[in-house]
Amino acid sequence: MRILFNQIDAVVPHENSLAVQRCDACVDDQRITHVGTCPPDFKPDKTIQGAGKLLIPGLVNAHNHAAMTLLRHRADDLPFMPWLFDNILPMEARLQPDDVYWGNMLACCEMLRTGTTCYADMYFPTDEMIRAADESGMRAMISRGLIDNDEKGQVRIDQAIAEIKQHRGHERITFALSPHAPYTCSSDYVAQVVAVAKELDVPIHTHLGESRDEIAQLRETCGQTPFEYMHAAGLFELPVLAAHCVYMTESDMQLAAKHGMSVVTNPVSNLKLGNGVAPVKKMLEHGINVALGTDGAASNNSQNMLRELGYLCLLHKGVNEDAAFMPAAQGLQIATQGGAQALGLASQIGSIEPGKLADLTMLNCAQSHWTPQSNPLAALCYGAQGSDVELTMVHGEILLEHGQLTKIDEERVRYEAQHIAERLWNPM
C-alpha cells in the first residue's frame, strides 16, 4: 500500500541529532520513499493529514521478557534476588507453552499502543514467542534464555539451535542466543553458547552487572567482574547486547567500547528493584552504544517506552546534577537509533529517511498537555502519554489506527491473560 503523511511534523536526522521538519512522508509498500515534498507521480492509496500530528521513528524496546506481563504486579517491592529466585522463577516454572503466547500478545498490545514497533525478547519457549511476534505484525529479535544451573543446560541449547534453524529467514524476526547471566551460567557453558552462536552467525543477548549481589557473588567465587567473567569465556568475540550494566568499572567500559558492545539501560526496572542507576553518561563518553528497554513487566509493570524515555532523560539529569545532559533529542535517539544499532538493524530502521523500512509512530499533539506547541521533542520526552499514540506502523503495515489494533483481538488477549495469571498465582 502507498501511504502519504501529508504536511506532518516529522522527527528526522539533523547534524548527528534530531530535528522536527514539516514535510510530506511517503511510504510505498514496506519502505519510506520520500521525506520532504511528495513527488507528483506518487499516487497514494491512503492519505493521512498531518495537522496537529507528530511522526517519529518507531520506538525500539531493546530488552524485554514479553511474557512476563502475566506476572505483572505479583512480586512488587522486593529486593532483586528474593524477587527473582523466591517469586518469579517458581511462577515461571508453572508456565505452559500456550501461556507464553498469550503473555507475549498482551505485551504486543501494550507496546503497539504506546509507539513501540520493535523489541528484543529473551524468554522461552521460542516457538510461542515467534508465533506472537508474527501474528502481531511487530518486528522482534527473539532469543531463548539459556542457563545451566540444572541438568537441562544442553537441552536448552539444542532447543535454541532447532528453533533458529526452523524459523530464520522471517522478514520481521531475527534471532540471538542468550546466556542468561553470569550468576546462572558457568564459564564453560558460556563458551559453549559462544561456539554455537558463531556457527549460527547470530549475536548475543545477555544480562550483565545488574545487581550488587551479582557483583559480590562473582568477586567471591572467581575474583572477576561480570564483564571480565564473560570476556574470559569468549563472549565479546561476537556482537553483544547487554542489559542493565548498572555496575561497570572503568576497565569494564574500556572492554565494552573496544569490542563494540551495546548496552540496554532499563531505568524503571533498575529503580524498582533497588539496583541503582546505570552510568550512562560515562558509557557515552567511552563511545558505547546505548539503547533503551523496559525489561519485563514483572520488574517494571509497564511496557510503555514513552514512559521509559521520560525516566531516561530526567533520571540522568538528576544523578549527574546537569540539566543540560540527556536532552530530549538525545533520549529519543537512544530509544530509536540506539536500539536499532543494538539489534543489528541500524541500516533498516530507527530513523525517518528514504530507503528505511516504514516502522513509524504518529502521535496526536492537538491536546491540552501538548499546548502551547513550541518544542515537540521536549513535549514528547517530558509530557507525552501512551494514549497520545494514534497510529503505529511496522514494515509499512498499520497495526494501530485511531485507538484500534488492526491485527490483534485485544479483548480475547486480555481474557486469556487474566485466566492464565490467576492459575499461576493460585497453584492447586
Protein backbone atom coordinates (compact mmCIF):
# COMPACT_ATOMS: atom_id res chain seq x y z
CA MET A 1 0.00 0.00 0.00
CA ARG A 2 1.11 3.54 -0.77
CA ILE A 3 0.58 5.92 2.16
CA LEU A 4 1.14 9.68 2.28
CA PHE A 5 1.60 11.53 5.55
CA ASN A 6 0.65 14.95 4.26
CA GLN A 7 2.41 18.02 5.72
CA ILE A 8 3.23 16.39 9.04
CA ASP A 9 5.80 17.39 11.65
CA ALA A 10 8.35 14.57 11.32
CA VAL A 11 11.38 13.93 13.55
CA VAL A 12 14.28 13.47 11.15
CA PRO A 13 18.09 13.17 11.45
CA HIS A 14 19.89 16.50 11.53
CA GLU A 15 23.64 17.06 12.13
CA ASN A 16 24.13 14.00 14.38
CA SER A 17 20.98 14.88 16.29
CA LEU A 18 17.27 15.13 15.52
CA ALA A 19 15.06 17.96 14.32
CA VAL A 20 11.38 18.45 13.59
CA GLN A 21 10.61 19.13 9.94
CA ARG A 22 7.22 19.99 8.42
CA CYS A 23 7.11 17.75 5.35
CA ASP A 24 5.41 15.03 3.37
CA ALA A 25 6.47 11.46 4.19
CA CYS A 26 5.74 8.81 1.58
CA VAL A 27 5.57 5.08 2.23
CA ASP A 28 5.48 2.62 -0.66
CA ASP A 29 4.77 -0.93 0.47
CA GLN A 30 7.40 -1.63 3.16
CA ARG A 31 9.69 1.39 2.88
CA ILE A 32 9.88 5.14 3.23
CA THR A 33 10.44 6.57 -0.25
CA HIS A 34 10.36 10.34 0.21
CA VAL A 35 10.74 12.81 3.09
CA GLY A 36 10.20 16.40 2.02
CA THR A 37 7.84 17.18 -0.84
CA CYS A 38 5.72 14.39 -2.23
CA PRO A 39 6.61 13.90 -5.91
CA PRO A 40 3.79 14.44 -8.43
CA ASP A 41 3.92 10.83 -9.63
CA PHE A 42 3.35 9.38 -6.13
CA LYS A 43 -0.29 8.32 -6.08
CA PRO A 44 -1.23 7.31 -2.53
CA ASP A 45 -3.82 4.68 -1.69
CA LYS A 46 -4.27 6.38 1.69
CA THR A 47 -3.56 9.96 2.76
CA ILE A 48 -3.12 10.86 6.42
CA GLN A 49 -3.42 14.56 7.14
CA GLY A 50 -0.56 15.73 9.36
CA ALA A 51 -2.07 18.80 11.02
CA GLY A 52 -1.62 18.52 14.78
CA LYS A 53 0.38 15.28 14.49
CA LEU A 54 3.97 14.28 15.17
CA LEU A 55 5.65 11.46 13.24
CA ILE A 56 8.58 9.71 14.94
CA PRO A 57 10.59 6.57 14.20
CA GLY A 58 9.03 3.56 15.89
CA LEU A 59 10.44 3.08 19.39
CA VAL A 60 12.76 0.10 19.89
CA ASN A 61 12.35 -1.79 23.17
CA ALA A 62 15.83 -3.30 23.19
CA HIS A 63 15.46 -5.55 26.24
CA ASN A 64 12.29 -7.33 27.26
CA HIS A 65 10.82 -10.53 28.63
CA ALA A 66 7.45 -10.02 26.99
CA ALA A 67 5.56 -12.96 28.51
CA MET A 68 6.25 -11.58 32.00
CA THR A 69 3.18 -9.42 31.51
CA LEU A 70 1.48 -12.45 33.08
CA LEU A 71 3.46 -11.81 36.28
CA ARG A 72 2.70 -8.11 36.46
CA HIS A 73 2.01 -6.77 39.99
CA ARG A 74 2.76 -10.11 41.68
CA ALA A 75 6.15 -9.63 43.37
CA ASP A 76 6.41 -5.91 43.93
CA ASP A 77 8.60 -4.07 46.44
CA LEU A 78 11.12 -6.90 46.91
CA PRO A 79 14.94 -6.91 46.59
CA PHE A 80 16.31 -8.38 43.39
CA MET A 81 17.43 -11.88 44.45
CA PRO A 82 14.30 -12.72 46.54
CA TRP A 83 12.16 -11.20 43.79
CA LEU A 84 13.78 -13.49 41.19
CA PHE A 85 14.53 -16.75 42.96
CA ASP A 86 11.73 -16.90 45.54
CA ASN A 87 8.88 -15.47 43.46
CA ILE A 88 9.40 -15.09 39.71
CA LEU A 89 11.19 -18.36 38.92
CA PRO A 90 8.65 -20.54 40.79
CA MET A 91 5.79 -18.92 38.83
CA GLU A 92 7.70 -19.28 35.55
CA ALA A 93 8.14 -23.00 36.26
CA ARG A 94 4.35 -23.35 36.04
CA LEU A 95 4.08 -21.67 32.62
CA GLN A 96 2.72 -23.74 29.74
CA PRO A 97 3.83 -23.01 26.14
CA ASP A 98 0.46 -21.51 25.21
CA ASP A 99 0.68 -19.20 28.24
CA VAL A 100 3.82 -17.63 26.77
CA TYR A 101 1.99 -16.92 23.53
CA TRP A 102 -0.81 -15.06 25.31
CA GLY A 103 1.63 -13.20 27.57
CA ASN A 104 3.55 -12.06 24.51
CA MET A 105 0.39 -10.98 22.75
CA LEU A 106 -0.57 -8.91 25.79
CA ALA A 107 2.84 -7.23 25.68
CA CYS A 108 2.45 -6.56 21.96
CA CYS A 109 -0.91 -4.87 22.58
CA GLU A 110 0.65 -2.53 25.10
CA MET A 111 3.78 -1.86 23.06
CA LEU A 112 1.84 -1.04 19.90
CA ARG A 113 -0.50 1.24 21.84
CA THR A 114 2.49 3.19 23.19
CA GLY A 115 4.51 3.53 19.99
CA THR A 116 6.92 0.59 20.08
CA THR A 117 7.44 -1.15 16.75
CA CYS A 118 10.40 -3.43 17.52
CA TYR A 119 11.55 -5.36 20.60
CA ALA A 120 14.26 -7.75 21.76
CA ASP A 121 12.72 -10.63 23.71
CA MET A 122 14.58 -13.13 25.89
CA TYR A 123 12.40 -15.92 27.25
CA PHE A 124 11.10 -19.41 26.44
CA PRO A 125 9.73 -21.34 24.56
CA THR A 126 10.89 -19.61 21.41
CA ASP A 127 8.19 -21.08 19.15
CA GLU A 128 5.44 -19.28 21.07
CA MET A 129 7.42 -16.02 21.12
CA ILE A 130 7.83 -16.24 17.35
CA ARG A 131 4.14 -17.05 16.90
CA ALA A 132 3.14 -13.92 18.81
CA ALA A 133 5.60 -11.63 17.01
CA ASP A 134 4.48 -12.97 13.65
CA GLU A 135 0.74 -12.66 14.33
CA SER A 136 1.01 -9.22 15.93
CA GLY A 137 2.91 -7.80 12.95
CA MET A 138 5.70 -6.44 15.15
CA ARG A 139 9.43 -6.60 14.48
CA ALA A 140 11.40 -8.64 17.00
CA MET A 141 14.74 -10.17 17.89
CA ILE A 142 13.94 -13.45 19.64
CA SER A 143 16.17 -15.48 21.93
CA ARG A 144 15.68 -18.37 24.34
CA GLY A 145 17.09 -17.73 27.80
CA LEU A 146 19.91 -20.24 28.42
CA ILE A 147 21.00 -21.37 31.89
CA ASP A 148 22.93 -24.39 33.16
CA ASN A 149 22.26 -24.33 36.89
CA ASP A 150 20.40 -27.64 36.47
CA GLU A 151 20.70 -30.73 34.27
CA LYS A 152 18.88 -29.17 31.29
CA GLY A 153 21.56 -26.76 30.05
CA GLN A 154 22.41 -28.78 26.93
CA VAL A 155 18.73 -29.40 26.20
CA ARG A 156 18.12 -25.64 26.14
CA ILE A 157 20.97 -25.08 23.68
CA ASP A 158 19.69 -27.87 21.42
CA GLN A 159 16.19 -26.37 21.52
CA ALA A 160 17.52 -22.92 20.63
CA ILE A 161 19.50 -24.32 17.68
CA ALA A 162 16.48 -26.17 16.31
CA GLU A 163 14.19 -23.17 16.70
CA ILE A 164 16.58 -20.77 14.96
CA LYS A 165 17.18 -23.16 12.06
CA GLN A 166 13.45 -23.71 11.64
CA HIS A 167 12.37 -20.07 11.70
CA ARG A 168 15.26 -17.96 10.42
CA GLY A 169 14.59 -16.03 7.23
CA HIS A 170 11.42 -14.31 8.53
CA GLU A 171 11.25 -10.77 7.15
CA ARG A 172 10.47 -9.19 10.56
CA ILE A 173 12.06 -11.60 13.05
CA THR A 174 15.76 -12.09 13.77
CA PHE A 175 17.45 -14.25 16.39
CA ALA A 176 20.11 -14.22 19.09
CA LEU A 177 21.45 -16.63 21.69
CA SER A 178 21.03 -15.65 25.33
CA PRO A 179 23.29 -16.97 28.06
CA HIS A 180 21.13 -15.51 30.79
CA ALA A 181 23.67 -14.01 33.20
CA PRO A 182 26.98 -14.79 34.95
CA TYR A 183 25.13 -15.99 38.05
CA THR A 184 23.11 -18.59 36.07
CA CYS A 185 25.73 -19.71 33.52
CA SER A 186 29.08 -21.39 34.16
CA SER A 187 32.04 -20.11 32.14
CA ASP A 188 32.21 -23.41 30.24
CA TYR A 189 28.54 -23.10 29.34
CA VAL A 190 29.02 -19.53 28.11
CA ALA A 191 31.92 -20.72 25.94
CA GLN A 192 29.67 -23.43 24.51
CA VAL A 193 26.95 -20.89 23.70
CA VAL A 194 29.54 -18.65 22.03
CA ALA A 195 30.70 -21.51 19.81
CA VAL A 196 27.12 -22.24 18.74
CA ALA A 197 26.40 -18.55 18.10
CA LYS A 198 29.44 -18.35 15.82
CA GLU A 199 28.24 -21.38 13.91
CA LEU A 200 24.74 -19.95 13.52
CA ASP A 201 26.04 -16.40 12.87
CA VAL A 202 23.79 -14.79 15.49
CA PRO A 203 24.53 -12.17 18.18
CA ILE A 204 24.38 -12.47 21.97
CA HIS A 205 21.68 -11.02 24.25
CA THR A 206 22.51 -11.23 27.96
CA HIS A 207 22.29 -9.56 31.39
CA LEU A 208 25.43 -8.00 32.90
CA GLY A 209 26.17 -6.02 36.05
CA GLU A 210 22.55 -5.77 37.16
CA SER A 211 22.76 -6.01 40.95
CA ARG A 212 25.15 -5.64 43.87
CA ASP A 213 24.55 -9.29 44.76
CA GLU A 214 25.77 -10.35 41.32
CA ILE A 215 28.94 -8.31 41.71
CA ALA A 216 29.64 -9.66 45.21
CA GLN A 217 28.99 -13.26 44.16
CA LEU A 218 31.44 -13.14 41.27
CA ARG A 219 34.08 -11.33 43.31
CA GLU A 220 33.83 -14.06 45.92
CA THR A 221 33.82 -17.04 43.58
CA CYS A 222 36.24 -16.00 40.83
CA GLY A 223 37.58 -12.53 41.60
CA GLN A 224 36.14 -11.03 38.41
CA THR A 225 33.56 -8.50 37.36
CA PRO A 226 30.67 -9.81 35.23
CA PHE A 227 32.32 -8.29 32.16
CA GLU A 228 35.67 -9.92 32.90
CA TYR A 229 33.90 -13.23 33.52
CA MET A 230 32.08 -13.15 30.18
CA HIS A 231 35.14 -11.87 28.33
CA ALA A 232 37.23 -14.76 29.62
CA ALA A 233 34.59 -17.15 28.25
CA GLY A 234 34.85 -15.57 24.78
CA LEU A 235 31.54 -13.72 24.78
CA PHE A 236 32.91 -10.49 23.30
CA GLU A 237 34.11 -12.26 20.19
CA LEU A 238 30.54 -11.72 18.96
CA PRO A 239 28.17 -8.73 18.77
CA VAL A 240 26.74 -8.37 22.27
CA LEU A 241 23.60 -6.67 23.52
CA ALA A 242 23.95 -6.45 27.33
CA ALA A 243 21.03 -5.40 29.52
CA HIS A 244 21.25 -3.25 32.66
CA CYS A 245 25.02 -2.72 33.19
CA VAL A 246 24.33 -0.74 36.34
CA TYR A 247 27.72 -1.67 37.78
CA MET A 248 30.68 -1.10 35.45
CA THR A 249 34.27 -0.33 36.32
CA GLU A 250 36.48 1.84 34.15
CA SER A 251 38.11 -1.28 32.70
CA ASP A 252 34.66 -2.78 32.05
CA MET A 253 33.75 0.28 29.98
CA GLN A 254 37.00 0.12 28.07
CA LEU A 255 36.34 -3.55 27.36
CA ALA A 256 32.80 -2.86 26.19
CA ALA A 257 33.89 0.00 23.95
CA LYS A 258 36.80 -1.96 22.46
CA HIS A 259 34.52 -4.81 21.42
CA GLY A 260 31.60 -2.66 20.20
CA MET A 261 29.16 -3.94 22.81
CA SER A 262 25.73 -2.30 23.03
CA VAL A 263 24.24 -1.58 26.46
CA VAL A 264 20.49 -1.52 27.06
CA THR A 265 19.64 0.64 30.03
CA ASN A 266 16.37 -0.10 31.87
CA PRO A 267 15.80 2.85 34.21
CA VAL A 268 12.41 1.90 35.67
CA SER A 269 13.23 -1.77 36.28
CA ASN A 270 16.56 -0.89 37.88
CA LEU A 271 14.89 1.65 40.15
CA LYS A 272 12.01 -0.61 41.12
CA LEU A 273 14.32 -3.49 42.12
CA GLY A 274 16.61 -1.15 44.01
CA ASN A 275 19.52 -1.96 41.74
CA GLY A 276 20.65 1.61 41.18
CA VAL A 277 21.25 3.81 38.15
CA ALA A 278 23.43 2.82 35.21
CA PRO A 279 26.40 5.16 34.47
CA VAL A 280 25.00 6.17 31.10
CA LYS A 281 26.98 9.41 30.88
CA LYS A 282 30.29 7.56 31.29
CA MET A 283 29.18 4.92 28.79
CA LEU A 284 28.50 7.58 26.18
CA GLU A 285 31.84 9.26 26.93
CA HIS A 286 33.54 5.92 26.19
CA GLY A 287 31.72 5.68 22.86
CA ILE A 288 29.49 2.77 23.90
CA ASN A 289 26.22 2.46 22.01
CA VAL A 290 23.35 2.86 24.48
CA ALA A 291 19.81 1.61 23.83
CA LEU A 292 16.66 1.69 25.96
CA GLY A 293 14.35 -1.06 27.17
CA THR A 294 11.53 -1.67 29.61
CA ASP A 295 12.65 -5.11 30.85
CA GLY A 296 9.79 -7.46 31.71
CA ALA A 297 6.53 -6.25 33.20
CA ALA A 298 7.24 -8.15 36.44
CA SER A 299 10.01 -5.67 37.25
CA ASN A 300 8.58 -2.62 35.51
CA ASN A 301 4.79 -3.09 35.48
CA SER A 302 4.72 -1.29 32.13
CA GLN A 303 5.72 -1.88 28.52
CA ASN A 304 5.43 1.83 27.74
CA MET A 305 8.62 3.11 26.10
CA LEU A 306 7.36 6.70 26.20
CA ARG A 307 7.37 6.42 29.99
CA GLU A 308 10.83 4.85 29.86
CA LEU A 309 12.08 7.70 27.65
CA GLY A 310 10.93 10.29 30.18
CA TYR A 311 12.70 8.45 33.00
CA LEU A 312 15.87 8.15 30.93
CA CYS A 313 16.17 11.89 30.40
CA LEU A 314 15.02 13.05 33.82
CA LEU A 315 16.89 10.49 35.90
CA HIS A 316 20.27 11.14 34.32
CA LYS A 317 19.92 14.90 34.61
CA GLY A 318 19.37 14.35 38.31
CA VAL A 319 22.13 11.86 39.09
CA ASN A 320 24.65 13.87 37.07
CA GLU A 321 23.41 17.18 38.50
CA ASP A 322 23.41 18.56 34.98
CA ALA A 323 20.20 19.84 33.43
CA ALA A 324 21.87 20.02 30.01
CA PHE A 325 22.70 16.30 29.96
CA MET A 326 20.44 13.90 28.04
CA PRO A 327 18.33 16.45 26.15
CA ALA A 328 15.13 15.23 24.57
CA ALA A 329 16.66 14.69 21.14
CA GLN A 330 19.45 12.52 22.56
CA GLY A 331 16.97 10.49 24.60
CA LEU A 332 14.85 9.82 21.53
CA GLN A 333 17.95 8.83 19.55
CA ILE A 334 18.77 6.25 22.23
CA ALA A 335 15.19 4.94 22.14
CA THR A 336 15.25 4.59 18.34
CA GLN A 337 18.65 4.64 16.63
CA GLY A 338 20.45 3.21 19.66
CA GLY A 339 18.05 0.30 19.79
CA ALA A 340 18.26 -0.29 16.05
CA GLN A 341 22.06 -0.46 16.28
CA ALA A 342 21.92 -2.79 19.28
CA LEU A 343 19.70 -5.21 17.35
CA GLY A 344 21.87 -5.08 14.22
CA LEU A 345 19.15 -3.21 12.30
CA ALA A 346 20.65 0.30 12.03
CA SER A 347 20.62 0.22 8.23
CA GLN A 348 16.93 -0.73 8.19
CA ILE A 349 15.07 1.07 10.99
CA GLY A 350 15.49 3.72 13.69
CA SER A 351 15.11 6.92 11.66
CA ILE A 352 12.78 8.57 9.17
CA GLU A 353 14.82 8.52 5.97
CA PRO A 354 14.18 7.41 2.38
CA GLY A 355 15.09 3.75 1.97
CA LYS A 356 14.44 2.78 5.59
CA LEU A 357 11.71 0.32 6.47
CA ALA A 358 8.47 2.06 7.40
CA ASP A 359 8.41 1.44 11.17
CA LEU A 360 6.67 4.62 12.29
CA THR A 361 4.65 6.07 15.16
CA MET A 362 2.29 9.04 14.90
CA LEU A 363 1.15 10.99 17.96
CA ASN A 364 -1.75 13.39 18.38
CA CYS A 365 -0.36 16.75 19.56
CA ALA A 366 -3.65 18.64 19.41
CA GLN A 367 -4.26 18.18 23.13
CA SER A 368 -4.01 20.32 26.24
CA HIS A 369 -0.83 18.76 27.60
CA TRP A 370 0.97 19.46 24.29
CA THR A 371 -0.14 23.10 24.27
CA PRO A 372 1.43 25.56 23.55
CA GLN A 373 3.17 23.72 20.75
CA SER A 374 6.62 25.28 20.68
CA ASN A 375 9.03 22.33 21.18
CA PRO A 376 7.57 18.99 20.04
CA LEU A 377 10.66 16.99 21.09
CA ALA A 378 10.50 18.32 24.63
CA ALA A 379 6.74 17.70 24.75
CA LEU A 380 7.30 14.15 23.54
CA CYS A 381 10.05 13.38 26.03
CA TYR A 382 8.75 15.10 29.14
CA GLY A 383 4.98 15.04 28.78
CA ALA A 384 3.72 12.53 26.21
CA GLN A 385 1.26 9.85 27.28
CA GLY A 386 0.75 6.44 25.78
CA SER A 387 -2.79 7.44 24.80
CA ASP A 388 -1.28 10.11 22.54
CA VAL A 389 -0.24 7.40 20.07
CA GLU A 390 -2.73 7.49 17.22
CA LEU A 391 -1.01 5.27 14.67
CA THR A 392 1.68 2.60 14.80
CA MET A 393 3.12 1.12 11.60
CA VAL A 394 5.57 -1.76 11.15
CA HIS A 395 7.05 -2.81 7.81
CA GLY A 396 4.62 -0.45 6.08
CA GLU A 397 1.55 -2.07 7.69
CA ILE A 398 -0.71 -0.08 10.03
CA LEU A 399 -1.09 -2.09 13.25
CA LEU A 400 -2.81 0.61 15.35
CA GLU A 401 -5.06 3.35 14.00
CA HIS A 402 -7.46 5.66 15.85
CA GLY A 403 -7.06 3.61 19.01
CA GLN A 404 -7.83 0.27 17.36
CA LEU A 405 -5.42 -2.62 16.92
CA THR A 406 -5.81 -3.94 13.39
CA LYS A 407 -4.41 -7.47 13.72
CA ILE A 408 -4.95 -8.42 17.37
CA ASP A 409 -8.20 -9.32 19.14
CA GLU A 410 -7.31 -7.36 22.26
CA GLU A 411 -10.39 -8.38 24.25
CA ARG A 412 -9.55 -12.06 23.72
CA VAL A 413 -5.92 -11.44 24.70
CA ARG A 414 -6.91 -9.75 27.96
CA TYR A 415 -9.37 -12.56 28.78
CA GLU A 416 -6.81 -15.32 28.22
CA ALA A 417 -4.04 -13.48 30.07
CA GLN A 418 -6.22 -12.87 33.13
CA HIS A 419 -7.19 -16.53 33.43
CA ILE A 420 -3.61 -17.73 32.96
CA ALA A 421 -2.34 -15.29 35.56
CA GLU A 422 -4.91 -16.42 38.11
CA ARG A 423 -3.76 -20.01 37.63
CA LEU A 424 -0.11 -19.01 38.10
CA TRP A 425 -0.90 -17.04 41.25
CA ASN A 426 -3.01 -19.76 42.82
CA PRO A 427 -1.48 -23.18 42.07
CA MET A 428 -3.56 -26.19 43.08
